[in-house]
Amino acid sequence: MSAENRKEKKDQAETFSKKVERFTKTEIECLIKRFNALLAKQVSPSGAAHGLDKETFRGIMQTTFGINKPLMLDGASLVFRNFDEDRDGIVSVEEWIRGLSVLLRGTLDEKIKYCYEVYDLDGDKFITKEEIFNMLDGCFIKRPNEKDPKERVRDLVETSMKMMDHDCDGKLSYKDFQKSVRKDKLLLEAFGKCLPDPMSIEKFERLVFQEQQGQ
């Protein structure tokens, strides 16, 4: 890397460190380096030199963080949508860092907000029974002599709604979801895995921060 490129990366890291509290300046430099390496391997030209496209992002979530349910990785929404804040169809380096700050080191409230926005499939600020059904559909394998496993999904939807719909309006508001998760943290990913597990986080941080800092 040339002296000019090193300075540019340090300047970027300095700027982002003022916006994102969860990472040190050195760690942000490592995240920028990782981002650029992923960008260089990108097959599709859609992201050009500006950001990670949907296919590249999907691969990272699957192989690195174990988030592999198709619905959660829908390129038009959900996890990708949560990173792609300006909705331009790519994840920029700043969006990459901001998104990872929540995935890797976010507070409970940050993760509640993140998961709620992922589960709100149509972005209307409510999670409906239909949305919960769509997210849970396919969770159950058909049992011998069972006519329709979807009935179990419908039962689970009703159970979830009774447990979490505190204002009893037939849908989950952010306040409903937040109150439920604060009472039982296991409900954070009630409708599908959209956060990396501790082992995946440790592996990623070891690879990106410790090993790259030693290079």
N, C-alpha and C. Protein backbone atom coordinates (compact mmCIF):
# COMPACT_ATOMS: atom_id res chain seq x y z
N MET A 1 0.84 -1.20 0.00
CA MET A 1 0.00 0.00 0.00
C MET A 1 0.87 1.25 0.00
N SER A 2 0.54 2.19 -0.87
CA SER A 2 1.33 3.41 -0.98
C SER A 2 1.10 4.30 0.24
N ALA A 3 2.02 5.25 0.42
CA ALA A 3 1.89 6.19 1.55
C ALA A 3 0.60 7.00 1.42
N GLU A 4 0.23 7.32 0.18
CA GLU A 4 -0.99 8.09 -0.07
C GLU A 4 -2.24 7.30 0.34
N ASN A 5 -2.26 6.00 0.00
CA ASN A 5 -3.39 5.15 0.36
C ASN A 5 -3.48 4.93 1.86
N ARG A 6 -2.31 4.79 2.50
CA ARG A 6 -2.30 4.62 3.96
C ARG A 6 -2.87 5.86 4.65
N LYS A 7 -2.49 7.02 4.14
CA LYS A 7 -2.99 8.27 4.73
C LYS A 7 -4.50 8.39 4.52
N GLU A 8 -4.96 8.00 3.33
CA GLU A 8 -6.39 8.07 3.05
C GLU A 8 -7.18 7.16 4.00
N LYS A 9 -6.65 5.96 4.25
CA LYS A 9 -7.32 5.03 5.14
C LYS A 9 -7.33 5.56 6.57
N LYS A 10 -6.24 6.16 6.99
CA LYS A 10 -6.17 6.72 8.35
C LYS A 10 -7.13 7.90 8.49
N ASP A 11 -7.23 8.70 7.44
CA ASP A 11 -8.16 9.84 7.47
C ASP A 11 -9.61 9.34 7.55
N GLN A 12 -9.92 8.28 6.80
CA GLN A 12 -11.25 7.68 6.85
C GLN A 12 -11.54 7.17 8.26
N ALA A 13 -10.59 6.46 8.81
CA ALA A 13 -10.75 5.88 10.15
C ALA A 13 -10.97 6.98 11.18
N GLU A 14 -10.24 8.08 11.05
CA GLU A 14 -10.40 9.22 11.96
C GLU A 14 -11.82 9.77 11.89
N THR A 15 -12.35 9.90 10.67
CA THR A 15 -13.70 10.42 10.48
C THR A 15 -14.74 9.48 11.06
N PHE A 16 -14.62 8.19 10.76
CA PHE A 16 -15.60 7.22 11.22
C PHE A 16 -15.55 7.00 12.73
N SER A 17 -14.36 7.14 13.32
CA SER A 17 -14.22 6.94 14.77
C SER A 17 -15.00 7.99 15.56
N LYS A 18 -15.29 9.13 14.92
CA LYS A 18 -16.06 10.18 15.57
C LYS A 18 -17.56 9.91 15.48
N LYS A 19 -17.94 9.00 14.58
CA LYS A 19 -19.36 8.68 14.37
C LYS A 19 -19.77 7.36 15.00
N VAL A 20 -18.83 6.44 15.14
CA VAL A 20 -19.12 5.10 15.66
C VAL A 20 -18.32 4.87 16.94
N GLU A 21 -19.02 4.68 18.04
CA GLU A 21 -18.35 4.59 19.34
C GLU A 21 -17.79 3.21 19.65
N ARG A 22 -18.30 2.18 19.03
CA ARG A 22 -18.00 0.81 19.46
C ARG A 22 -16.60 0.33 19.08
N PHE A 23 -15.94 0.96 18.11
CA PHE A 23 -14.63 0.51 17.66
C PHE A 23 -13.57 1.58 17.90
N THR A 24 -12.34 1.10 18.15
CA THR A 24 -11.22 2.04 18.22
C THR A 24 -10.84 2.46 16.80
N LYS A 25 -10.03 3.47 16.71
CA LYS A 25 -9.57 3.95 15.40
C LYS A 25 -8.80 2.85 14.66
N THR A 26 -7.96 2.12 15.39
CA THR A 26 -7.19 1.03 14.78
C THR A 26 -8.11 -0.07 14.27
N GLU A 27 -9.14 -0.39 15.05
CA GLU A 27 -10.09 -1.42 14.62
C GLU A 27 -10.85 -0.97 13.37
N ILE A 28 -11.18 0.31 13.32
CA ILE A 28 -11.87 0.83 12.14
C ILE A 28 -10.97 0.73 10.91
N GLU A 29 -9.69 0.99 11.08
CA GLU A 29 -8.75 0.82 9.97
C GLU A 29 -8.78 -0.62 9.47
N CYS A 30 -8.85 -1.56 10.38
CA CYS A 30 -8.91 -2.98 10.01
C CYS A 30 -10.21 -3.31 9.28
N LEU A 31 -11.30 -2.72 9.72
CA LEU A 31 -12.59 -2.95 9.06
C LEU A 31 -12.60 -2.36 7.65
N ILE A 32 -11.97 -1.22 7.49
CA ILE A 32 -11.85 -0.62 6.16
C ILE A 32 -11.02 -1.52 5.25
N LYS A 33 -9.93 -2.07 5.78
CA LYS A 33 -9.08 -2.97 5.01
C LYS A 33 -9.86 -4.21 4.59
N ARG A 34 -10.64 -4.75 5.52
CA ARG A 34 -11.45 -5.93 5.21
C ARG A 34 -12.49 -5.60 4.15
N PHE A 35 -13.12 -4.46 4.28
CA PHE A 35 -14.12 -4.00 3.32
C PHE A 35 -13.51 -3.91 1.92
N ASN A 36 -12.34 -3.30 1.83
CA ASN A 36 -11.69 -3.14 0.53
C ASN A 36 -11.30 -4.49 -0.08
N ALA A 37 -10.92 -5.43 0.77
CA ALA A 37 -10.58 -6.77 0.28
C ALA A 37 -11.82 -7.47 -0.28
N LEU A 38 -12.94 -7.32 0.38
CA LEU A 38 -14.19 -7.90 -0.10
C LEU A 38 -14.63 -7.23 -1.39
N LEU A 39 -14.43 -5.93 -1.46
CA LEU A 39 -14.81 -5.17 -2.65
C LEU A 39 -13.99 -5.63 -3.86
N ALA A 40 -12.74 -5.90 -3.61
CA ALA A 40 -11.84 -6.31 -4.70
C ALA A 40 -12.22 -7.68 -5.27
N LYS A 41 -12.84 -8.53 -4.44
CA LYS A 41 -13.22 -9.88 -4.88
C LYS A 41 -14.62 -9.93 -5.48
N GLN A 42 -15.32 -8.82 -5.44
CA GLN A 42 -16.70 -8.79 -5.88
C GLN A 42 -16.80 -9.12 -7.37
N VAL A 43 -17.65 -10.09 -7.68
CA VAL A 43 -17.79 -10.53 -9.07
C VAL A 43 -18.71 -9.61 -9.86
N SER A 44 -19.85 -9.27 -9.23
CA SER A 44 -20.82 -8.43 -9.93
C SER A 44 -20.33 -7.00 -10.03
N PRO A 45 -20.53 -6.36 -11.19
CA PRO A 45 -20.12 -4.96 -11.34
C PRO A 45 -21.10 -3.97 -10.75
N SER A 46 -22.24 -4.47 -10.21
CA SER A 46 -23.29 -3.56 -9.75
C SER A 46 -22.83 -2.65 -8.62
N GLY A 47 -21.95 -3.15 -7.77
CA GLY A 47 -21.47 -2.33 -6.67
C GLY A 47 -20.34 -1.41 -7.07
N ALA A 48 -19.79 -1.70 -8.25
CA ALA A 48 -18.65 -0.94 -8.76
C ALA A 48 -17.59 -0.83 -7.68
N ALA A 49 -17.01 0.36 -7.51
CA ALA A 49 -15.97 0.53 -6.51
C ALA A 49 -16.50 1.21 -5.26
N HIS A 50 -17.83 1.29 -5.16
CA HIS A 50 -18.41 2.11 -4.11
C HIS A 50 -18.94 1.33 -2.91
N GLY A 51 -19.33 0.08 -3.10
CA GLY A 51 -19.90 -0.64 -1.98
C GLY A 51 -20.14 -2.11 -2.27
N LEU A 52 -20.52 -2.84 -1.24
CA LEU A 52 -20.80 -4.26 -1.36
C LEU A 52 -22.20 -4.47 -1.92
N ASP A 53 -22.30 -5.29 -2.97
CA ASP A 53 -23.61 -5.56 -3.54
C ASP A 53 -24.33 -6.63 -2.72
N LYS A 54 -25.56 -6.91 -3.11
CA LYS A 54 -26.40 -7.83 -2.34
C LYS A 54 -25.82 -9.24 -2.27
N GLU A 55 -25.26 -9.69 -3.40
CA GLU A 55 -24.74 -11.05 -3.44
C GLU A 55 -23.51 -11.20 -2.54
N THR A 56 -22.61 -10.23 -2.60
CA THR A 56 -21.42 -10.26 -1.74
C THR A 56 -21.82 -10.20 -0.27
N PHE A 57 -22.76 -9.31 0.03
CA PHE A 57 -23.23 -9.15 1.42
C PHE A 57 -23.86 -10.45 1.92
N ARG A 58 -24.68 -11.07 1.07
CA ARG A 58 -25.31 -12.34 1.45
C ARG A 58 -24.26 -13.38 1.81
N GLY A 59 -23.20 -13.46 1.01
CA GLY A 59 -22.13 -14.42 1.27
C GLY A 59 -21.45 -14.19 2.61
N ILE A 60 -21.23 -12.93 2.96
CA ILE A 60 -20.59 -12.59 4.23
C ILE A 60 -21.47 -13.02 5.40
N MET A 61 -22.76 -12.70 5.31
CA MET A 61 -23.68 -13.06 6.39
C MET A 61 -23.77 -14.57 6.57
N GLN A 62 -23.76 -15.31 5.46
CA GLN A 62 -23.88 -16.76 5.53
C GLN A 62 -22.61 -17.42 6.05
N THR A 63 -21.49 -17.14 5.40
CA THR A 63 -20.26 -17.87 5.72
C THR A 63 -19.57 -17.35 6.97
N THR A 64 -19.67 -16.06 7.24
CA THR A 64 -18.96 -15.48 8.38
C THR A 64 -19.80 -15.46 9.65
N PHE A 65 -21.08 -15.16 9.52
CA PHE A 65 -21.92 -14.96 10.70
C PHE A 65 -23.02 -16.00 10.87
N GLY A 66 -23.14 -16.95 9.97
CA GLY A 66 -24.11 -18.02 10.13
C GLY A 66 -25.55 -17.59 10.01
N ILE A 67 -25.79 -16.46 9.37
CA ILE A 67 -27.17 -16.00 9.14
C ILE A 67 -27.55 -16.49 7.75
N ASN A 68 -28.29 -17.58 7.69
CA ASN A 68 -28.49 -18.21 6.39
C ASN A 68 -29.93 -18.50 6.01
N LYS A 69 -30.89 -18.05 6.80
CA LYS A 69 -32.28 -18.25 6.39
C LYS A 69 -32.58 -17.34 5.20
N PRO A 70 -33.09 -17.89 4.09
CA PRO A 70 -33.29 -17.10 2.87
C PRO A 70 -34.05 -15.80 3.09
N LEU A 71 -35.13 -15.85 3.88
CA LEU A 71 -35.94 -14.64 4.06
C LEU A 71 -35.14 -13.53 4.73
N MET A 72 -34.29 -13.89 5.71
CA MET A 72 -33.50 -12.89 6.41
C MET A 72 -32.48 -12.23 5.48
N LEU A 73 -32.11 -12.97 4.41
CA LEU A 73 -31.07 -12.47 3.51
C LEU A 73 -31.64 -11.94 2.21
N ASP A 74 -32.95 -11.76 2.15
CA ASP A 74 -33.57 -11.22 0.95
C ASP A 74 -32.87 -9.92 0.58
N GLY A 75 -32.34 -9.89 -0.65
CA GLY A 75 -31.54 -8.73 -1.05
C GLY A 75 -32.28 -7.41 -1.00
N ALA A 76 -33.61 -7.45 -1.10
CA ALA A 76 -34.36 -6.20 -1.14
C ALA A 76 -34.71 -5.69 0.25
N SER A 77 -34.45 -6.48 1.27
CA SER A 77 -34.92 -6.04 2.58
C SER A 77 -34.14 -6.69 3.70
N LEU A 78 -34.77 -6.70 4.87
CA LEU A 78 -34.29 -7.40 6.05
C LEU A 78 -32.85 -7.04 6.42
N VAL A 79 -31.94 -8.03 6.55
CA VAL A 79 -30.60 -7.72 7.05
C VAL A 79 -29.88 -6.74 6.13
N PHE A 80 -29.94 -6.97 4.84
CA PHE A 80 -29.29 -6.06 3.89
C PHE A 80 -29.88 -4.66 4.02
N ARG A 81 -31.21 -4.60 4.09
CA ARG A 81 -31.89 -3.30 4.21
C ARG A 81 -31.43 -2.55 5.45
N ASN A 82 -31.17 -3.31 6.53
CA ASN A 82 -30.77 -2.68 7.78
C ASN A 82 -29.39 -2.05 7.66
N PHE A 83 -28.52 -2.63 6.87
CA PHE A 83 -27.20 -2.04 6.64
C PHE A 83 -27.28 -0.90 5.63
N ASP A 84 -28.03 -1.12 4.56
CA ASP A 84 -28.10 -0.15 3.46
C ASP A 84 -29.02 1.02 3.84
N GLU A 85 -28.52 1.90 4.67
CA GLU A 85 -29.34 2.96 5.26
C GLU A 85 -29.89 3.94 4.22
N ASP A 86 -29.12 4.24 3.17
CA ASP A 86 -29.59 5.21 2.19
C ASP A 86 -30.35 4.57 1.03
N ARG A 87 -30.55 3.24 1.11
CA ARG A 87 -31.35 2.49 0.14
C ARG A 87 -30.86 2.68 -1.30
N ASP A 88 -29.55 2.69 -1.50
CA ASP A 88 -29.02 2.84 -2.86
C ASP A 88 -28.61 1.51 -3.48
N GLY A 89 -28.90 0.41 -2.77
CA GLY A 89 -28.63 -0.91 -3.32
C GLY A 89 -27.25 -1.46 -3.06
N ILE A 90 -26.41 -0.73 -2.35
CA ILE A 90 -25.09 -1.22 -1.97
C ILE A 90 -24.80 -0.81 -0.52
N VAL A 91 -23.88 -1.52 0.10
CA VAL A 91 -23.44 -1.17 1.46
C VAL A 91 -22.11 -0.46 1.36
N SER A 92 -22.09 0.81 1.70
CA SER A 92 -20.87 1.61 1.65
C SER A 92 -19.97 1.26 2.83
N VAL A 93 -18.75 1.76 2.81
CA VAL A 93 -17.82 1.45 3.89
C VAL A 93 -18.33 2.00 5.22
N GLU A 94 -18.94 3.18 5.20
CA GLU A 94 -19.47 3.72 6.46
C GLU A 94 -20.66 2.88 6.95
N GLU A 95 -21.54 2.46 6.04
CA GLU A 95 -22.67 1.61 6.43
C GLU A 95 -22.18 0.26 6.95
N TRP A 96 -21.12 -0.25 6.37
CA TRP A 96 -20.49 -1.51 6.80
C TRP A 96 -20.03 -1.40 8.26
N ILE A 97 -19.35 -0.31 8.57
CA ILE A 97 -18.83 -0.11 9.93
C ILE A 97 -19.96 0.13 10.92
N ARG A 98 -20.92 0.95 10.53
CA ARG A 98 -22.05 1.25 11.43
C ARG A 98 -22.88 -0.01 11.71
N GLY A 99 -23.12 -0.80 10.66
CA GLY A 99 -23.89 -2.02 10.83
C GLY A 99 -23.18 -3.03 11.71
N LEU A 100 -21.87 -3.19 11.48
CA LEU A 100 -21.10 -4.14 12.29
C LEU A 100 -20.99 -3.70 13.74
N SER A 101 -21.05 -2.41 13.97
CA SER A 101 -20.97 -1.93 15.36
C SER A 101 -22.15 -2.46 16.18
N VAL A 102 -23.30 -2.61 15.53
CA VAL A 102 -24.48 -3.17 16.21
C VAL A 102 -24.38 -4.69 16.29
N LEU A 103 -24.04 -5.34 15.16
CA LEU A 103 -23.96 -6.80 15.13
C LEU A 103 -22.93 -7.34 16.11
N LEU A 104 -21.77 -6.68 16.19
CA LEU A 104 -20.68 -7.21 17.00
C LEU A 104 -20.70 -6.71 18.44
N ARG A 105 -21.04 -5.43 18.63
CA ARG A 105 -20.87 -4.85 19.97
C ARG A 105 -22.04 -3.97 20.41
N GLY A 106 -23.18 -4.13 19.78
CA GLY A 106 -24.32 -3.29 20.10
C GLY A 106 -24.86 -3.53 21.49
N THR A 107 -25.48 -2.51 22.06
CA THR A 107 -26.18 -2.65 23.34
C THR A 107 -27.45 -3.46 23.11
N LEU A 108 -28.10 -3.88 24.18
CA LEU A 108 -29.35 -4.61 24.05
C LEU A 108 -30.38 -3.77 23.30
N ASP A 109 -30.48 -2.49 23.65
CA ASP A 109 -31.47 -1.63 22.99
C ASP A 109 -31.17 -1.49 21.50
N GLU A 110 -29.89 -1.40 21.13
CA GLU A 110 -29.53 -1.31 19.72
C GLU A 110 -29.91 -2.59 18.98
N LYS A 111 -29.70 -3.72 19.64
CA LYS A 111 -30.03 -5.00 19.00
C LYS A 111 -31.54 -5.21 18.93
N ILE A 112 -32.27 -4.72 19.92
CA ILE A 112 -33.74 -4.79 19.87
C ILE A 112 -34.24 -4.00 18.66
N LYS A 113 -33.72 -2.81 18.49
CA LYS A 113 -34.14 -1.97 17.35
C LYS A 113 -33.77 -2.63 16.03
N TYR A 114 -32.56 -3.18 15.98
CA TYR A 114 -32.09 -3.84 14.76
C TYR A 114 -32.99 -5.03 14.40
N CYS A 115 -33.25 -5.92 15.37
CA CYS A 115 -34.07 -7.10 15.09
C CYS A 115 -35.49 -6.71 14.73
N TYR A 116 -36.03 -5.72 15.42
CA TYR A 116 -37.40 -5.30 15.11
C TYR A 116 -37.50 -4.80 13.68
N GLU A 117 -36.53 -4.02 13.25
CA GLU A 117 -36.55 -3.49 11.89
C GLU A 117 -36.36 -4.59 10.85
N VAL A 118 -35.61 -5.61 11.19
CA VAL A 118 -35.46 -6.76 10.29
C VAL A 118 -36.79 -7.50 10.17
N TYR A 119 -37.46 -7.72 11.29
CA TYR A 119 -38.71 -8.48 11.31
C TYR A 119 -39.91 -7.72 10.73
N ASP A 120 -39.81 -6.40 10.71
CA ASP A 120 -40.89 -5.59 10.13
C ASP A 120 -40.74 -5.66 8.60
N LEU A 121 -41.26 -6.70 7.99
CA LEU A 121 -40.97 -7.02 6.59
C LEU A 121 -41.33 -5.90 5.63
N ASP A 122 -42.46 -5.24 5.85
CA ASP A 122 -42.86 -4.20 4.91
C ASP A 122 -42.50 -2.79 5.38
N GLY A 123 -41.83 -2.70 6.53
CA GLY A 123 -41.36 -1.40 7.01
C GLY A 123 -42.44 -0.44 7.44
N ASP A 124 -43.61 -0.97 7.87
CA ASP A 124 -44.71 -0.07 8.24
C ASP A 124 -44.76 0.22 9.73
N LYS A 125 -43.71 -0.18 10.46
CA LYS A 125 -43.58 0.07 11.90
C LYS A 125 -44.42 -0.86 12.77
N PHE A 126 -44.94 -1.94 12.19
CA PHE A 126 -45.65 -2.95 12.95
C PHE A 126 -45.27 -4.33 12.42
N ILE A 127 -45.27 -5.32 13.31
CA ILE A 127 -45.08 -6.71 12.90
C ILE A 127 -46.43 -7.40 13.03
N THR A 128 -46.96 -7.87 11.91
CA THR A 128 -48.28 -8.48 11.89
C THR A 128 -48.19 -10.00 12.00
N LYS A 129 -49.34 -10.63 12.18
CA LYS A 129 -49.39 -12.10 12.23
C LYS A 129 -48.89 -12.69 10.90
N GLU A 130 -49.26 -12.04 9.80
CA GLU A 130 -48.85 -12.53 8.48
C GLU A 130 -47.33 -12.49 8.34
N GLU A 131 -46.71 -11.44 8.84
CA GLU A 131 -45.26 -11.33 8.77
C GLU A 131 -44.59 -12.40 9.64
N ILE A 132 -45.13 -12.62 10.83
CA ILE A 132 -44.57 -13.66 11.70
C ILE A 132 -44.71 -15.03 11.04
N PHE A 133 -45.86 -15.28 10.44
CA PHE A 133 -46.07 -16.55 9.75
C PHE A 133 -45.04 -16.74 8.64
N ASN A 134 -44.82 -15.72 7.84
CA ASN A 134 -43.86 -15.81 6.74
C ASN A 134 -42.45 -16.09 7.24
N MET A 135 -42.10 -15.51 8.39
CA MET A 135 -40.76 -15.73 8.93
C MET A 135 -40.59 -17.11 9.55
N LEU A 136 -41.67 -17.65 10.13
CA LEU A 136 -41.59 -18.95 10.80
C LEU A 136 -41.93 -20.11 9.87
N ASP A 137 -42.57 -19.81 8.75
CA ASP A 137 -42.96 -20.86 7.82
C ASP A 137 -41.73 -21.63 7.34
N GLY A 138 -41.80 -22.93 7.38
CA GLY A 138 -40.66 -23.75 6.98
C GLY A 138 -39.81 -24.20 8.15
N CYS A 139 -40.14 -23.72 9.36
CA CYS A 139 -39.37 -24.11 10.55
C CYS A 139 -39.62 -25.56 10.94
N PHE A 140 -40.81 -26.06 10.60
CA PHE A 140 -41.20 -27.40 11.04
C PHE A 140 -41.14 -28.41 9.89
N ILE A 141 -40.61 -29.57 10.17
CA ILE A 141 -40.59 -30.67 9.22
C ILE A 141 -41.89 -31.46 9.39
N LYS A 142 -42.47 -31.84 8.28
CA LYS A 142 -43.74 -32.56 8.34
C LYS A 142 -43.59 -33.88 9.08
N ARG A 143 -44.48 -34.12 10.03
CA ARG A 143 -44.47 -35.36 10.80
C ARG A 143 -45.23 -36.46 10.06
N PRO A 144 -44.93 -37.73 10.40
CA PRO A 144 -45.69 -38.83 9.79
C PRO A 144 -47.19 -38.66 10.07
N ASN A 145 -47.98 -38.83 9.04
CA ASN A 145 -49.45 -38.74 9.12
C ASN A 145 -49.96 -37.33 9.41
N GLU A 146 -49.08 -36.35 9.34
CA GLU A 146 -49.52 -34.97 9.56
C GLU A 146 -50.00 -34.38 8.24
N LYS A 147 -51.19 -33.82 8.24
CA LYS A 147 -51.74 -33.26 7.00
C LYS A 147 -51.05 -31.97 6.59
N ASP A 148 -50.88 -31.08 7.55
CA ASP A 148 -50.34 -29.76 7.20
C ASP A 148 -49.50 -29.19 8.35
N PRO A 149 -48.16 -29.19 8.22
CA PRO A 149 -47.31 -28.64 9.29
C PRO A 149 -47.51 -27.14 9.50
N LYS A 150 -48.15 -26.49 8.53
CA LYS A 150 -48.40 -25.05 8.67
C LYS A 150 -49.33 -24.74 9.84
N GLU A 151 -50.12 -25.76 10.23
CA GLU A 151 -51.00 -25.54 11.39
C GLU A 151 -50.18 -25.28 12.65
N ARG A 152 -49.05 -25.98 12.77
CA ARG A 152 -48.17 -25.74 13.93
C ARG A 152 -47.57 -24.34 13.87
N VAL A 153 -47.29 -23.88 12.64
CA VAL A 153 -46.76 -22.52 12.49
C VAL A 153 -47.82 -21.51 12.93
N ARG A 154 -49.06 -21.75 12.51
CA ARG A 154 -50.15 -20.83 12.90
C ARG A 154 -50.34 -20.82 14.42
N ASP A 155 -50.22 -21.98 15.03
CA ASP A 155 -50.33 -22.05 16.50
C ASP A 155 -49.21 -21.26 17.17
N LEU A 156 -48.01 -21.38 16.61
CA LEU A 156 -46.87 -20.65 17.17
C LEU A 156 -47.04 -19.14 17.00
N VAL A 157 -47.61 -18.74 15.86
CA VAL A 157 -47.88 -17.32 15.63
C VAL A 157 -48.84 -16.80 16.69
N GLU A 158 -49.90 -17.55 16.94
CA GLU A 158 -50.89 -17.13 17.94
C GLU A 158 -50.28 -17.06 19.34
N THR A 159 -49.43 -18.05 19.66
CA THR A 159 -48.76 -18.06 20.97
C THR A 159 -47.85 -16.85 21.11
N SER A 160 -47.09 -16.57 20.05
CA SER A 160 -46.17 -15.42 20.07
C SER A 160 -46.93 -14.12 20.26
N MET A 161 -48.04 -13.99 19.56
CA MET A 161 -48.81 -12.76 19.65
C MET A 161 -49.40 -12.59 21.05
N LYS A 162 -49.91 -13.66 21.63
CA LYS A 162 -50.47 -13.57 22.99
C LYS A 162 -49.40 -13.17 24.00
N MET A 163 -48.19 -13.66 23.78
CA MET A 163 -47.10 -13.40 24.71
C MET A 163 -46.54 -11.98 24.58
N MET A 164 -46.53 -11.45 23.35
CA MET A 164 -45.79 -10.22 23.08
C MET A 164 -46.66 -9.00 22.79
N ASP A 165 -47.92 -9.21 22.44
CA ASP A 165 -48.81 -8.10 22.08
C ASP A 165 -49.40 -7.49 23.35
N HIS A 166 -48.66 -6.66 24.01
CA HIS A 166 -49.04 -6.13 25.33
C HIS A 166 -50.23 -5.19 25.27
N ASP A 167 -50.42 -4.47 24.16
CA ASP A 167 -51.57 -3.58 24.08
C ASP A 167 -52.77 -4.23 23.38
N CYS A 168 -52.62 -5.52 23.04
CA CYS A 168 -53.72 -6.34 22.52
C CYS A 168 -54.42 -5.73 21.30
N ASP A 169 -53.61 -5.20 20.37
CA ASP A 169 -54.20 -4.64 19.15
C ASP A 169 -54.01 -5.54 17.93
N GLY A 170 -53.51 -6.76 18.17
CA GLY A 170 -53.39 -7.72 17.08
C GLY A 170 -52.13 -7.59 16.24
N LYS A 171 -51.20 -6.76 16.66
CA LYS A 171 -49.92 -6.60 15.96
C LYS A 171 -48.88 -6.13 16.96
N LEU A 172 -47.61 -6.29 16.59
CA LEU A 172 -46.54 -5.92 17.51
C LEU A 172 -45.93 -4.57 17.13
N SER A 173 -46.06 -3.62 18.02
CA SER A 173 -45.37 -2.34 17.86
C SER A 173 -43.95 -2.49 18.37
N TYR A 174 -43.14 -1.47 18.14
CA TYR A 174 -41.77 -1.51 18.67
C TYR A 174 -41.80 -1.59 20.19
N LYS A 175 -42.76 -0.87 20.79
CA LYS A 175 -42.86 -0.87 22.25
C LYS A 175 -43.21 -2.26 22.78
N ASP A 176 -44.10 -2.96 22.07
CA ASP A 176 -44.44 -4.34 22.45
C ASP A 176 -43.21 -5.23 22.41
N PHE A 177 -42.48 -5.14 21.31
CA PHE A 177 -41.31 -5.98 21.11
C PHE A 177 -40.23 -5.68 22.15
N GLN A 178 -39.99 -4.40 22.36
CA GLN A 178 -38.98 -3.98 23.33
C GLN A 178 -39.31 -4.47 24.73
N LYS A 179 -40.56 -4.32 25.13
CA LYS A 179 -40.99 -4.75 26.47
C LYS A 179 -40.84 -6.26 26.62
N SER A 180 -41.18 -7.01 25.57
CA SER A 180 -41.08 -8.46 25.61
C SER A 180 -39.64 -8.93 25.75
N VAL A 181 -38.75 -8.34 24.97
CA VAL A 181 -37.35 -8.75 24.99
C VAL A 181 -36.69 -8.38 26.31
N ARG A 182 -37.05 -7.25 26.87
CA ARG A 182 -36.47 -6.86 28.16
C ARG A 182 -36.90 -7.82 29.27
N LYS A 183 -38.07 -8.42 29.12
CA LYS A 183 -38.54 -9.40 30.10
C LYS A 183 -37.88 -10.76 29.86
N ASP A 184 -37.62 -11.08 28.59
CA ASP A 184 -37.03 -12.38 28.24
C ASP A 184 -36.14 -12.18 27.01
N LYS A 185 -34.82 -12.13 27.21
CA LYS A 185 -33.88 -11.84 26.13
C LYS A 185 -33.89 -12.90 25.03
N LEU A 186 -34.41 -14.10 25.34
CA LEU A 186 -34.48 -15.14 24.32
C LEU A 186 -35.43 -14.76 23.19
N LEU A 187 -36.32 -13.80 23.44
CA LEU A 187 -37.27 -13.36 22.42
C LEU A 187 -36.64 -12.40 21.41
N LEU A 188 -35.40 -12.01 21.63
CA LEU A 188 -34.73 -11.07 20.72
C LEU A 188 -34.75 -11.58 19.29
N GLU A 189 -34.49 -12.88 19.11
CA GLU A 189 -34.51 -13.47 17.78
C GLU A 189 -35.64 -14.48 17.66
N ALA A 190 -36.80 -14.09 18.15
CA ALA A 190 -37.95 -14.99 18.20
C ALA A 190 -38.41 -15.45 16.82
N PHE A 191 -38.21 -14.63 15.79
CA PHE A 191 -38.77 -14.93 14.48
C PHE A 191 -37.71 -15.29 13.44
N GLY A 192 -36.50 -15.58 13.89
CA GLY A 192 -35.45 -15.99 12.97
C GLY A 192 -34.10 -15.40 13.33
N LYS A 193 -33.06 -16.14 13.05
CA LYS A 193 -31.71 -15.70 13.38
C LYS A 193 -31.29 -14.54 12.49
N CYS A 194 -30.96 -13.42 13.10
CA CYS A 194 -30.49 -12.27 12.32
C CYS A 194 -29.30 -11.59 12.99
N LEU A 195 -28.77 -12.23 14.05
CA LEU A 195 -27.58 -11.74 14.74
C LEU A 195 -26.55 -12.86 14.80
N PRO A 196 -25.27 -12.55 14.73
CA PRO A 196 -24.25 -13.59 14.84
C PRO A 196 -24.13 -14.11 16.27
N ASP A 197 -23.78 -15.39 16.42
CA ASP A 197 -23.58 -15.94 17.75
C ASP A 197 -22.20 -15.53 18.27
N PRO A 198 -21.97 -15.65 19.59
CA PRO A 198 -20.69 -15.22 20.18
C PRO A 198 -19.46 -15.85 19.54
N MET A 199 -19.56 -17.11 19.13
CA MET A 199 -18.41 -17.78 18.52
C MET A 199 -18.06 -17.16 17.17
N SER A 200 -19.09 -16.82 16.38
CA SER A 200 -18.85 -16.18 15.09
C SER A 200 -18.24 -14.80 15.26
N ILE A 201 -18.71 -14.09 16.27
CA ILE A 201 -18.17 -12.75 16.55
C ILE A 201 -16.70 -12.85 16.94
N GLU A 202 -16.40 -13.78 17.84
CA GLU A 202 -15.01 -13.94 18.28
C GLU A 202 -14.10 -14.31 17.11
N LYS A 203 -14.56 -15.20 16.26
CA LYS A 203 -13.76 -15.62 15.11
C LYS A 203 -13.52 -14.46 14.15
N PHE A 204 -14.57 -13.68 13.89
CA PHE A 204 -14.44 -12.53 12.98
C PHE A 204 -13.48 -11.49 13.56
N GLU A 205 -13.64 -11.17 14.83
CA GLU A 205 -12.78 -10.15 15.44
C GLU A 205 -11.32 -10.61 15.49
N ARG A 206 -11.12 -11.89 15.75
CA ARG A 206 -9.75 -12.42 15.77
C ARG A 206 -9.13 -12.31 14.38
N LEU A 207 -9.89 -12.67 13.36
CA LEU A 207 -9.39 -12.61 11.98
C LEU A 207 -9.12 -11.18 11.54
N VAL A 208 -10.08 -10.31 11.76
CA VAL A 208 -9.99 -8.96 11.21
C VAL A 208 -9.14 -8.02 12.07
N PHE A 209 -9.27 -8.09 13.39
CA PHE A 209 -8.56 -7.15 14.25
C PHE A 209 -7.17 -7.65 14.63
N GLN A 210 -7.08 -8.83 15.19
CA GLN A 210 -5.78 -9.30 15.70
C GLN A 210 -4.82 -9.67 14.57
N GLU A 211 -5.28 -10.45 13.61
CA GLU A 211 -4.39 -10.89 12.55
C GLU A 211 -3.99 -9.76 11.61
N GLN A 212 -4.95 -8.90 11.27
CA GLN A 212 -4.65 -7.82 10.35
C GLN A 212 -3.77 -6.76 11.00
N GLN A 213 -3.94 -6.55 12.29
CA GLN A 213 -3.07 -5.59 12.98
C GLN A 213 -1.63 -6.08 13.00
N GLY A 214 -1.48 -7.41 12.96
CA GLY A 214 -0.12 -7.96 13.00
C GLY A 214 0.55 -7.96 11.65
N GLN A 215 -0.20 -7.62 10.58
CA GLN A 215 0.40 -7.62 9.25
C GLN A 215 1.14 -6.32 8.97
